[in-house]
PDB file of N, CA and C in Angstrom:
ATOM      1  N   MET A   1       0.850  -1.173   0.000  1.00  0.00           N
ATOM      2  CA  MET A   1       0.000   0.000   0.000  1.00  0.00           C
ATOM      3  C   MET A   1       0.896   1.236   0.000  1.00  0.00           C
ATOM      4  N   LEU A   2       0.589   2.164  -0.852  1.00  0.00           N
ATOM      5  CA  LEU A   2       1.376   3.386  -0.953  1.00  0.00           C
ATOM      6  C   LEU A   2       1.006   4.360   0.150  1.00  0.00           C
ATOM      7  N   PRO A   3       1.962   5.204   0.565  1.00  0.00           N
ATOM      8  CA  PRO A   3       1.641   6.194   1.609  1.00  0.00           C
ATOM      9  C   PRO A   3       0.489   7.117   1.232  1.00  0.00           C
ATOM     10  N   SER A   4       0.360   7.446  -0.067  1.00  0.00           N
ATOM     11  CA  SER A   4      -0.743   8.334  -0.445  1.00  0.00           C
ATOM     12  C   SER A   4      -2.091   7.639  -0.293  1.00  0.00           C
ATOM     13  N   SER A   5      -2.136   6.329  -0.545  1.00  0.00           N
ATOM     14  CA  SER A   5      -3.403   5.626  -0.368  1.00  0.00           C
ATOM     15  C   SER A   5      -3.729   5.452   1.114  1.00  0.00           C
ATOM     16  N   ILE A   6      -2.703   5.362   1.960  1.00  0.00           N
ATOM     17  CA  ILE A   6      -2.943   5.319   3.403  1.00  0.00           C
ATOM     18  C   ILE A   6      -3.519   6.650   3.861  1.00  0.00           C
ATOM     19  N   GLY A   7      -3.020   7.740   3.291  1.00  0.00           N
ATOM     20  CA  GLY A   7      -3.585   9.053   3.600  1.00  0.00           C
ATOM     21  C   GLY A   7      -5.038   9.158   3.156  1.00  0.00           C
ATOM     22  N   ALA A   8      -5.361   8.555   2.015  1.00  0.00           N
ATOM     23  CA  ALA A   8      -6.748   8.569   1.542  1.00  0.00           C
ATOM     24  C   ALA A   8      -7.645   7.744   2.468  1.00  0.00           C
ATOM     25  N   VAL A   9      -7.131   6.617   2.954  1.00  0.00           N
ATOM     26  CA  VAL A   9      -7.896   5.803   3.905  1.00  0.00           C
ATOM     27  C   VAL A   9      -8.139   6.602   5.179  1.00  0.00           C
ATOM     28  N   ASN A  10      -7.102   7.300   5.652  1.00  0.00           N
ATOM     29  CA  ASN A  10      -7.268   8.141   6.851  1.00  0.00           C
ATOM     30  C   ASN A  10      -8.307   9.232   6.624  1.00  0.00           C
ATOM     31  N   LEU A  11      -8.277   9.834   5.466  1.00  0.00           N
ATOM     32  CA  LEU A  11      -9.229  10.901   5.158  1.00  0.00           C
ATOM     33  C   LEU A  11     -10.662  10.380   5.141  1.00  0.00           C
ATOM     34  N   VAL A  12     -10.892   9.294   4.426  1.00  0.00           N
ATOM     35  CA  VAL A  12     -12.253   8.758   4.320  1.00  0.00           C
ATOM     36  C   VAL A  12     -12.745   8.270   5.681  1.00  0.00           C
ATOM     37  N   ALA A  13     -11.891   7.534   6.399  1.00  0.00           N
ATOM     38  CA  ALA A  13     -12.302   7.034   7.720  1.00  0.00           C
ATOM     39  C   ALA A  13     -12.573   8.192   8.676  1.00  0.00           C
ATOM     40  N   GLY A  14     -11.758   9.233   8.617  1.00  0.00           N
ATOM     41  CA  GLY A  14     -11.982  10.397   9.477  1.00  0.00           C
ATOM     42  C   GLY A  14     -13.284  11.106   9.160  1.00  0.00           C
ATOM     43  N   LEU A  15     -13.622  11.206   7.887  1.00  0.00           N
ATOM     44  CA  LEU A  15     -14.894  11.837   7.516  1.00  0.00           C
ATOM     45  C   LEU A  15     -16.087  11.000   7.958  1.00  0.00           C
ATOM     46  N   VAL A  16     -15.967   9.676   7.849  1.00  0.00           N
ATOM     47  CA  VAL A  16     -17.051   8.804   8.302  1.00  0.00           C
ATOM     48  C   VAL A  16     -17.211   8.913   9.815  1.00  0.00           C
ATOM     49  N   ILE A  17     -16.101   8.974  10.531  1.00  0.00           N
ATOM     50  CA  ILE A  17     -16.163   9.164  11.991  1.00  0.00           C
ATOM     51  C   ILE A  17     -16.852  10.484  12.317  1.00  0.00           C
ATOM     52  N   LEU A  18     -16.500  11.523  11.588  1.00  0.00           N
ATOM     53  CA  LEU A  18     -17.100  12.835  11.813  1.00  0.00           C
ATOM     54  C   LEU A  18     -18.607  12.812  11.561  1.00  0.00           C
ATOM     55  N   LEU A  19     -19.024  12.226  10.452  1.00  0.00           N
ATOM     56  CA  LEU A  19     -20.451  12.189  10.130  1.00  0.00           C
ATOM     57  C   LEU A  19     -21.245  11.355  11.124  1.00  0.00           C
ATOM     58  N   SER A  20     -20.694  10.219  11.513  1.00  0.00           N
ATOM     59  CA  SER A  20     -21.420   9.401  12.481  1.00  0.00           C
ATOM     60  C   SER A  20     -21.432  10.061  13.861  1.00  0.00           C
ATOM     61  N   SER A  21     -20.392  10.817  14.181  1.00  0.00           N
ATOM     62  CA  SER A  21     -20.399  11.560  15.449  1.00  0.00           C
ATOM     63  C   SER A  21     -21.471  12.642  15.456  1.00  0.00           C
ATOM     64  N   ILE A  22     -21.632  13.302  14.324  1.00  0.00           N
ATOM     65  CA  ILE A  22     -22.689  14.312  14.215  1.00  0.00           C
ATOM     66  C   ILE A  22     -24.055  13.657  14.362  1.00  0.00           C
ATOM     67  N   TYR A  23     -24.225  12.476  13.786  1.00  0.00           N
ATOM     68  CA  TYR A  23     -25.482  11.741  13.946  1.00  0.00           C
ATOM     69  C   TYR A  23     -25.760  11.491  15.428  1.00  0.00           C
ATOM     70  N   PHE A  24     -24.763  10.963  16.150  1.00  0.00           N
ATOM     71  CA  PHE A  24     -24.968  10.657  17.567  1.00  0.00           C
ATOM     72  C   PHE A  24     -25.153  11.917  18.409  1.00  0.00           C
ATOM     73  N   LEU A  25     -24.596  13.025  17.978  1.00  0.00           N
ATOM     74  CA  LEU A  25     -24.722  14.261  18.736  1.00  0.00           C
ATOM     75  C   LEU A  25     -26.115  14.872  18.606  1.00  0.00           C
ATOM     76  N   TYR A  26     -26.672  14.877  17.392  1.00  0.00           N
ATOM     77  CA  TYR A  26     -27.895  15.628  17.160  1.00  0.00           C
ATOM     78  C   TYR A  26     -29.174  14.801  17.096  1.00  0.00           C
ATOM     79  N   LEU A  27     -29.096  13.520  16.818  1.00  0.00           N
ATOM     80  CA  LEU A  27     -30.319  12.727  16.781  1.00  0.00           C
ATOM     81  C   LEU A  27     -30.644  12.211  18.163  1.00  0.00           C
ATOM     82  N   PRO A  28     -31.906  11.979  18.441  1.00  0.00           N
ATOM     83  CA  PRO A  28     -32.287  11.533  19.778  1.00  0.00           C
ATOM     84  C   PRO A  28     -31.638  10.203  20.141  1.00  0.00           C
ATOM     85  N   SER A  29     -31.518   9.966  21.414  1.00  0.00           N
ATOM     86  CA  SER A  29     -30.795   8.793  21.885  1.00  0.00           C
ATOM     87  C   SER A  29     -31.618   7.521  21.810  1.00  0.00           C
ATOM     88  N   GLY A  30     -32.836   7.582  21.444  1.00  0.00           N
ATOM     89  CA  GLY A  30     -33.655   6.378  21.318  1.00  0.00           C
ATOM     90  C   GLY A  30     -35.040   6.603  21.868  1.00  0.00           C
ATOM     91  N   GLY A  31     -35.914   5.719  21.510  1.00  0.00           N
ATOM     92  CA  GLY A  31     -37.278   5.870  21.968  1.00  0.00           C
ATOM     93  C   GLY A  31     -38.023   6.889  21.135  1.00  0.00           C
ATOM     94  N   PHE A  32     -39.282   7.010  21.405  1.00  0.00           N
ATOM     95  CA  PHE A  32     -40.120   7.948  20.677  1.00  0.00           C
ATOM     96  C   PHE A  32     -41.219   8.385  21.620  1.00  0.00           C
ATOM     97  N   GLU A  33     -41.777   9.515  21.380  1.00  0.00           N
ATOM     98  CA  GLU A  33     -42.843  10.073  22.207  1.00  0.00           C
ATOM     99  C   GLU A  33     -42.371  10.255  23.648  1.00  0.00           C
ATOM    100  N   GLY A  34     -41.232  10.840  23.802  1.00  0.00           N
ATOM    101  CA  GLY A  34     -40.709  11.109  25.133  1.00  0.00           C
ATOM    102  C   GLY A  34     -40.206   9.878  25.849  1.00  0.00           C
ATOM    103  N   GLY A  35     -39.811   8.859  25.112  1.00  0.00           N
ATOM    104  CA  GLY A  35     -39.290   7.648  25.726  1.00  0.00           C
ATOM    105  C   GLY A  35     -40.339   6.610  26.023  1.00  0.00           C
ATOM    106  N   ARG A  36     -41.613   6.904  25.717  1.00  0.00           N
ATOM    107  CA  ARG A  36     -42.695   5.942  26.001  1.00  0.00           C
ATOM    108  C   ARG A  36     -42.698   4.789  25.005  1.00  0.00           C
ATOM    109  N   ASN A  37     -42.158   5.023  23.794  1.00  0.00           N
ATOM    110  CA  ASN A  37     -42.143   3.983  22.773  1.00  0.00           C
ATOM    111  C   ASN A  37     -40.690   3.619  22.492  1.00  0.00           C
ATOM    112  N   ALA A  38     -40.130   2.752  23.306  1.00  0.00           N
ATOM    113  CA  ALA A  38     -38.719   2.398  23.181  1.00  0.00           C
ATOM    114  C   ALA A  38     -38.444   1.512  21.978  1.00  0.00           C
ATOM    115  N   ALA A  39     -39.470   0.938  21.367  1.00  0.00           N
ATOM    116  CA  ALA A  39     -39.272   0.037  20.239  1.00  0.00           C
ATOM    117  C   ALA A  39     -38.978   0.798  18.950  1.00  0.00           C
ATOM    118  N   ARG A  40     -39.343   2.039  18.876  1.00  0.00           N
ATOM    119  CA  ARG A  40     -39.127   2.805  17.647  1.00  0.00           C
ATOM    120  C   ARG A  40     -37.709   3.345  17.625  1.00  0.00           C
ATOM    121  N   ASP A  41     -37.023   3.091  16.503  1.00  0.00           N
ATOM    122  CA  ASP A  41     -35.654   3.593  16.315  1.00  0.00           C
ATOM    123  C   ASP A  41     -35.731   4.834  15.427  1.00  0.00           C
ATOM    124  N   PRO A  42     -35.371   6.013  15.958  1.00  0.00           N
ATOM    125  CA  PRO A  42     -35.473   7.239  15.168  1.00  0.00           C
ATOM    126  C   PRO A  42     -34.284   7.436  14.235  1.00  0.00           C
ATOM    127  N   GLY A  43     -33.753   6.380  13.661  1.00  0.00           N
ATOM    128  CA  GLY A  43     -32.556   6.451  12.837  1.00  0.00           C
ATOM    129  C   GLY A  43     -32.769   7.206  11.542  1.00  0.00           C
ATOM    130  N   PHE A  44     -31.715   7.776  11.060  1.00  0.00           N
ATOM    131  CA  PHE A  44     -31.701   8.493   9.801  1.00  0.00           C
ATOM    132  C   PHE A  44     -30.862   7.669   8.825  1.00  0.00           C
ATOM    133  N   LEU A  45     -31.453   7.191   7.771  1.00  0.00           N
ATOM    134  CA  LEU A  45     -30.857   6.311   6.759  1.00  0.00           C
ATOM    135  C   LEU A  45     -30.615   4.895   7.282  1.00  0.00           C
ATOM    136  N   PHE A  46     -30.027   4.762   8.444  1.00  0.00           N
ATOM    137  CA  PHE A  46     -29.735   3.460   9.031  1.00  0.00           C
ATOM    138  C   PHE A  46     -30.282   3.436  10.456  1.00  0.00           C
ATOM    139  N   SER A  47     -30.296   2.243  11.025  1.00  0.00           N
ATOM    140  CA  SER A  47     -30.686   2.151  12.430  1.00  0.00           C
ATOM    141  C   SER A  47     -29.542   2.649  13.303  1.00  0.00           C
ATOM    142  N   ARG A  48     -29.854   2.897  14.557  1.00  0.00           N
ATOM    143  CA  ARG A  48     -28.834   3.371  15.491  1.00  0.00           C
ATOM    144  C   ARG A  48     -27.710   2.340  15.663  1.00  0.00           C
ATOM    145  N   THR A  49     -28.044   1.065  15.641  1.00  0.00           N
ATOM    146  CA  THR A  49     -27.040   0.011  15.761  1.00  0.00           C
ATOM    147  C   THR A  49     -26.105   0.021  14.558  1.00  0.00           C
ATOM    148  N   THR A  50     -26.646   0.221  13.376  1.00  0.00           N
ATOM    149  CA  THR A  50     -25.815   0.281  12.171  1.00  0.00           C
ATOM    150  C   THR A  50     -24.885   1.489  12.229  1.00  0.00           C
ATOM    151  N   TRP A  51     -25.402   2.638  12.659  1.00  0.00           N
ATOM    152  CA  TRP A  51     -24.548   3.822  12.813  1.00  0.00           C
ATOM    153  C   TRP A  51     -23.429   3.561  13.817  1.00  0.00           C
ATOM    154  N   ASP A  52     -23.742   2.847  14.890  1.00  0.00           N
ATOM    155  CA  ASP A  52     -22.738   2.525  15.889  1.00  0.00           C
ATOM    156  C   ASP A  52     -21.650   1.637  15.291  1.00  0.00           C
ATOM    157  N   LEU A  53     -22.050   0.632  14.510  1.00  0.00           N
ATOM    158  CA  LEU A  53     -21.060  -0.237  13.868  1.00  0.00           C
ATOM    159  C   LEU A  53     -20.211   0.526  12.852  1.00  0.00           C
ATOM    160  N   ILE A  54     -20.841   1.397  12.083  1.00  0.00           N
ATOM    161  CA  ILE A  54     -20.089   2.215  11.113  1.00  0.00           C
ATOM    162  C   ILE A  54     -19.071   3.079  11.843  1.00  0.00           C
ATOM    163  N   HIS A  55     -19.505   3.708  12.918  1.00  0.00           N
ATOM    164  CA  HIS A  55     -18.626   4.587  13.693  1.00  0.00           C
ATOM    165  C   HIS A  55     -17.454   3.797  14.293  1.00  0.00           C
ATOM    166  N   THR A  56     -17.749   2.652  14.875  1.00  0.00           N
ATOM    167  CA  THR A  56     -16.714   1.852  15.535  1.00  0.00           C
ATOM    168  C   THR A  56     -15.688   1.328  14.541  1.00  0.00           C
ATOM    169  N   TRP A  57     -16.157   0.740  13.448  1.00  0.00           N
ATOM    170  CA  TRP A  57     -15.216   0.143  12.500  1.00  0.00           C
ATOM    171  C   TRP A  57     -14.453   1.183  11.686  1.00  0.00           C
ATOM    172  N   SER A  58     -15.032   2.336  11.456  1.00  0.00           N
ATOM    173  CA  SER A  58     -14.258   3.391  10.796  1.00  0.00           C
ATOM    174  C   SER A  58     -13.174   3.921  11.740  1.00  0.00           C
ATOM    175  N   ALA A  59     -13.442   3.945  13.037  1.00  0.00           N
ATOM    176  CA  ALA A  59     -12.410   4.351  13.999  1.00  0.00           C
ATOM    177  C   ALA A  59     -11.299   3.316  14.071  1.00  0.00           C
ATOM    178  N   VAL A  60     -11.646   2.036  14.041  1.00  0.00           N
ATOM    179  CA  VAL A  60     -10.626   0.982  14.040  1.00  0.00           C
ATOM    180  C   VAL A  60      -9.773   1.077  12.780  1.00  0.00           C
ATOM    181  N   THR A  61     -10.400   1.304  11.637  1.00  0.00           N
ATOM    182  CA  THR A  61      -9.669   1.470  10.375  1.00  0.00           C
ATOM    183  C   THR A  61      -8.755   2.688  10.439  1.00  0.00           C
ATOM    184  N   PHE A  62      -9.252   3.776  10.983  1.00  0.00           N
ATOM    185  CA  PHE A  62      -8.467   5.004  11.099  1.00  0.00           C
ATOM    186  C   PHE A  62      -7.228   4.781  11.970  1.00  0.00           C
ATOM    187  N   ILE A  63      -7.414   4.149  13.121  1.00  0.00           N
ATOM    188  CA  ILE A  63      -6.286   3.907  14.021  1.00  0.00           C
ATOM    189  C   ILE A  63      -5.260   2.997  13.363  1.00  0.00           C
ATOM    190  N   GLY A  64      -5.729   1.941  12.692  1.00  0.00           N
ATOM    191  CA  GLY A  64      -4.810   1.045  11.997  1.00  0.00           C
ATOM    192  C   GLY A  64      -4.025   1.748  10.902  1.00  0.00           C
ATOM    193  N   ALA A  65      -4.680   2.594  10.129  1.00  0.00           N
ATOM    194  CA  ALA A  65      -3.997   3.322   9.060  1.00  0.00           C
ATOM    195  C   ALA A  65      -3.008   4.336   9.623  1.00  0.00           C
ATOM    196  N   VAL A  66      -3.339   4.964  10.755  1.00  0.00           N
ATOM    197  CA  VAL A  66      -2.412   5.911  11.388  1.00  0.00           C
ATOM    198  C   VAL A  66      -1.159   5.182  11.879  1.00  0.00           C
ATOM    199  N   VAL A  67      -1.354   4.012  12.490  1.00  0.00           N
ATOM    200  CA  VAL A  67      -0.204   3.237  12.970  1.00  0.00           C
ATOM    201  C   VAL A  67       0.660   2.798  11.798  1.00  0.00           C
ATOM    202  N   LEU A  68       0.039   2.328  10.722  1.00  0.00           N
ATOM    203  CA  LEU A  68       0.795   1.925   9.535  1.00  0.00           C
ATOM    204  C   LEU A  68       1.533   3.102   8.923  1.00  0.00           C
ATOM    205  N   HIS A  69       0.907   4.246   8.849  1.00  0.00           N
ATOM    206  CA  HIS A  69       1.537   5.456   8.324  1.00  0.00           C
ATOM    207  C   HIS A  69       2.745   5.851   9.181  1.00  0.00           C
ATOM    208  N   PHE A  70       2.586   5.780  10.483  1.00  0.00           N
ATOM    209  CA  PHE A  70       3.677   6.097  11.406  1.00  0.00           C
ATOM    210  C   PHE A  70       4.831   5.115  11.226  1.00  0.00           C
ATOM    211  N   TRP A  71       4.510   3.831  11.046  1.00  0.00           N
ATOM    212  CA  TRP A  71       5.535   2.805  10.867  1.00  0.00           C
ATOM    213  C   TRP A  71       6.303   3.013   9.561  1.00  0.00           C
ATOM    214  N   ILE A  72       5.612   3.373   8.483  1.00  0.00           N
ATOM    215  CA  ILE A  72       6.271   3.618   7.194  1.00  0.00           C
ATOM    216  C   ILE A  72       7.237   4.786   7.301  1.00  0.00           C
ATOM    217  N   HIS A  73       6.872   5.822   8.030  1.00  0.00           N
ATOM    218  CA  HIS A  73       7.692   7.029   8.122  1.00  0.00           C
ATOM    219  C   HIS A  73       8.538   7.063   9.391  1.00  0.00           C
ATOM    220  N   TRP A  74       8.814   5.900   9.987  1.00  0.00           N
ATOM    221  CA  TRP A  74       9.548   5.858  11.243  1.00  0.00           C
ATOM    222  C   TRP A  74      10.955   6.444  11.102  1.00  0.00           C
ATOM    223  N   GLY A  75      11.638   6.215   9.985  1.00  0.00           N
ATOM    224  CA  GLY A  75      12.979   6.770   9.776  1.00  0.00           C
ATOM    225  C   GLY A  75      12.979   8.293   9.846  1.00  0.00           C
ATOM    226  N   TRP A  76      12.027   8.914   9.197  1.00  0.00           N
ATOM    227  CA  TRP A  76      11.929  10.365   9.224  1.00  0.00           C
ATOM    228  C   TRP A  76      11.595  10.857  10.630  1.00  0.00           C
ATOM    229  N   VAL A  77      10.654  10.171  11.304  1.00  0.00           N
ATOM    230  CA  VAL A  77      10.254  10.575  12.650  1.00  0.00           C
ATOM    231  C   VAL A  77      11.447  10.510  13.602  1.00  0.00           C
ATOM    232  N   SER A  78      12.212   9.415  13.553  1.00  0.00           N
ATOM    233  CA  SER A  78      13.341   9.282  14.473  1.00  0.00           C
ATOM    234  C   SER A  78      14.442  10.293  14.154  1.00  0.00           C
ATOM    235  N   LYS A  79      14.667  10.593  12.874  1.00  0.00           N
ATOM    236  CA  LYS A  79      15.690  11.567  12.500  1.00  0.00           C
ATOM    237  C   LYS A  79      15.330  12.966  12.993  1.00  0.00           C
ATOM    238  N   VAL A  80      14.096  13.378  12.762  1.00  0.00           N
ATOM    239  CA  VAL A  80      13.664  14.715  13.172  1.00  0.00           C
ATOM    240  C   VAL A  80      13.620  14.821  14.694  1.00  0.00           C
ATOM    241  N   THR A  81      13.151  13.778  15.355  1.00  0.00           N
ATOM    242  CA  THR A  81      13.079  13.800  16.816  1.00  0.00           C
ATOM    243  C   THR A  81      14.468  13.885  17.435  1.00  0.00           C
ATOM    244  N   SER A  82      15.422  13.137  16.884  1.00  0.00           N
ATOM    245  CA  SER A  82      16.781  13.192  17.430  1.00  0.00           C
ATOM    246  C   SER A  82      17.404  14.565  17.211  1.00  0.00           C
ATOM    247  N   ARG A  83      17.080  15.190  16.089  1.00  0.00           N
ATOM    248  CA  ARG A  83      17.592  16.552  15.862  1.00  0.00           C
ATOM    249  C   ARG A  83      16.987  17.557  16.842  1.00  0.00           C
ATOM    250  N   LEU A  84      15.714  17.394  17.134  1.00  0.00           N
ATOM    251  CA  LEU A  84      15.054  18.335  18.041  1.00  0.00           C
ATOM    252  C   LEU A  84      15.482  18.142  19.488  1.00  0.00           C
ATOM    253  N   LEU A  85      15.733  16.906  19.878  1.00  0.00           N
ATOM    254  CA  LEU A  85      16.055  16.627  21.268  1.00  0.00           C
ATOM    255  C   LEU A  85      17.542  16.594  21.551  1.00  0.00           C
ATOM    256  N   ALA A  86      18.387  16.682  20.519  1.00  0.00           N
ATOM    257  CA  ALA A  86      19.833  16.659  20.714  1.00  0.00           C
ATOM    258  C   ALA A  86      20.282  17.959  21.383  1.00  0.00           C
ATOM    259  N   PRO A  87      21.317  17.883  22.232  1.00  0.00           N
ATOM    260  CA  PRO A  87      21.822  19.116  22.857  1.00  0.00           C
ATOM    261  C   PRO A  87      22.396  20.055  21.802  1.00  0.00           C
ATOM    262  N   ARG A  88      22.308  21.306  22.086  1.00  0.00           N
ATOM    263  CA  ARG A  88      22.801  22.334  21.150  1.00  0.00           C
ATOM    264  C   ARG A  88      24.312  22.430  21.268  1.00  0.00           C
ATOM    265  N   ARG A  89      25.002  21.720  20.411  1.00  0.00           N
ATOM    266  CA  ARG A  89      26.463  21.682  20.479  1.00  0.00           C
ATOM    267  C   ARG A  89      27.086  22.982  19.998  1.00  0.00           C
ATOM    268  N   ARG A  90      26.530  23.565  18.962  1.00  0.00           N
ATOM    269  CA  ARG A  90      27.108  24.791  18.418  1.00  0.00           C
ATOM    270  C   ARG A  90      27.046  25.939  19.421  1.00  0.00           C
ATOM    271  N   GLN A  91      25.952  26.065  20.109  1.00  0.00           N
ATOM    272  CA  GLN A  91      25.816  27.157  21.070  1.00  0.00           C
ATOM    273  C   GLN A  91      26.739  26.941  22.267  1.00  0.00           C
ATOM    274  N   SER A  92      26.858  25.707  22.740  1.00  0.00           N
ATOM    275  CA  SER A  92      27.690  25.472  23.920  1.00  0.00           C
ATOM    276  C   SER A  92      29.172  25.594  23.583  1.00  0.00           C
ATOM    277  N   THR A  93      29.604  25.142  22.411  1.00  0.00           N
ATOM    278  CA  THR A  93      31.019  25.269  22.051  1.00  0.00           C
ATOM    279  C   THR A  93      31.362  26.711  21.697  1.00  0.00           C
ATOM    280  N   ALA A  94      30.452  27.447  21.122  1.00  0.00           N
ATOM    281  CA  ALA A  94      30.722  28.841  20.780  1.00  0.00           C
ATOM    282  C   ALA A  94      30.852  29.682  22.035  1.00  0.00           C
ATOM    283  N   SER A  95      30.090  29.428  23.046  1.00  0.00           N
ATOM    284  CA  SER A  95      30.166  30.238  24.254  1.00  0.00           C
ATOM    285  C   SER A  95      31.392  29.880  25.064  1.00  0.00           C
ATOM    286  N   SER A  96      31.871  28.639  25.023  1.00  0.00           N
ATOM    287  CA  SER A  96      33.050  28.253  25.796  1.00  0.00           C
ATOM    288  C   SER A  96      34.337  28.664  25.107  1.00  0.00           C
ATOM    289  N   SER A  97      34.334  28.802  23.779  1.00  0.00           N
ATOM    290  CA  SER A  97      35.559  29.177  23.076  1.00  0.00           C
ATOM    291  C   SER A  97      35.657  30.671  22.811  1.00  0.00           C
ATOM    292  N   ALA A  98      34.651  31.430  23.167  1.00  0.00           N
ATOM    293  CA  ALA A  98      34.678  32.878  22.961  1.00  0.00           C
ATOM    294  C   ALA A  98      35.694  33.503  23.924  1.00  0.00           C
ATOM    295  N   PRO A  99      36.501  34.442  23.409  1.00  0.00           N
ATOM    296  CA  PRO A  99      37.466  35.093  24.291  1.00  0.00           C
ATOM    297  C   PRO A  99      36.773  35.975  25.325  1.00  0.00           C
ATOM    298  N   GLU A 100      37.291  35.940  26.520  1.00  0.00           N
ATOM    299  CA  GLU A 100      36.714  36.758  27.589  1.00  0.00           C
ATOM    300  C   GLU A 100      37.224  38.181  27.440  1.00  0.00           C
ATOM    301  N   SER A 101      36.334  39.114  27.501  1.00  0.00           N
ATOM    302  CA  SER A 101      36.724  40.516  27.373  1.00  0.00           C
ATOM    303  C   SER A 101      36.749  41.153  28.752  1.00  0.00           C
ATOM    304  N   GLY A 102      37.536  42.139  28.897  1.00  0.00           N
ATOM    305  CA  GLY A 102      37.599  42.872  30.158  1.00  0.00           C
ATOM    306  C   GLY A 102      38.715  42.430  31.061  1.00  0.00           C
ATOM    307  N   ARG A 103      39.604  41.579  30.654  1.00  0.00           N
ATOM    308  CA  ARG A 103      40.732  41.192  31.506  1.00  0.00           C
ATOM    309  C   ARG A 103      42.003  41.756  31.030  1.00  0.00           C
TER     310      ARG A 103
END
């Protein structure tokens, strides 16, 4: 799998997670007529259980693709991290080798 296709998988899975999250945020939590009719599913396009499965499996796909993407680019990540966390050698050697003035 190419890195660009992994990015596309992340994009699609992230959008599906977003849409299903909006569904769970704005649609009622279940029941009908103030909770008196618990048998009615107020689902939009799909039932609430189907939306839950879509949300869960798109999140699993997203996490898997992120881990795979991180693994593919591990060389770059370790190189950049070591550069950022390495001590500043130039600054420390420049300050110790500078001539002292005023003596």
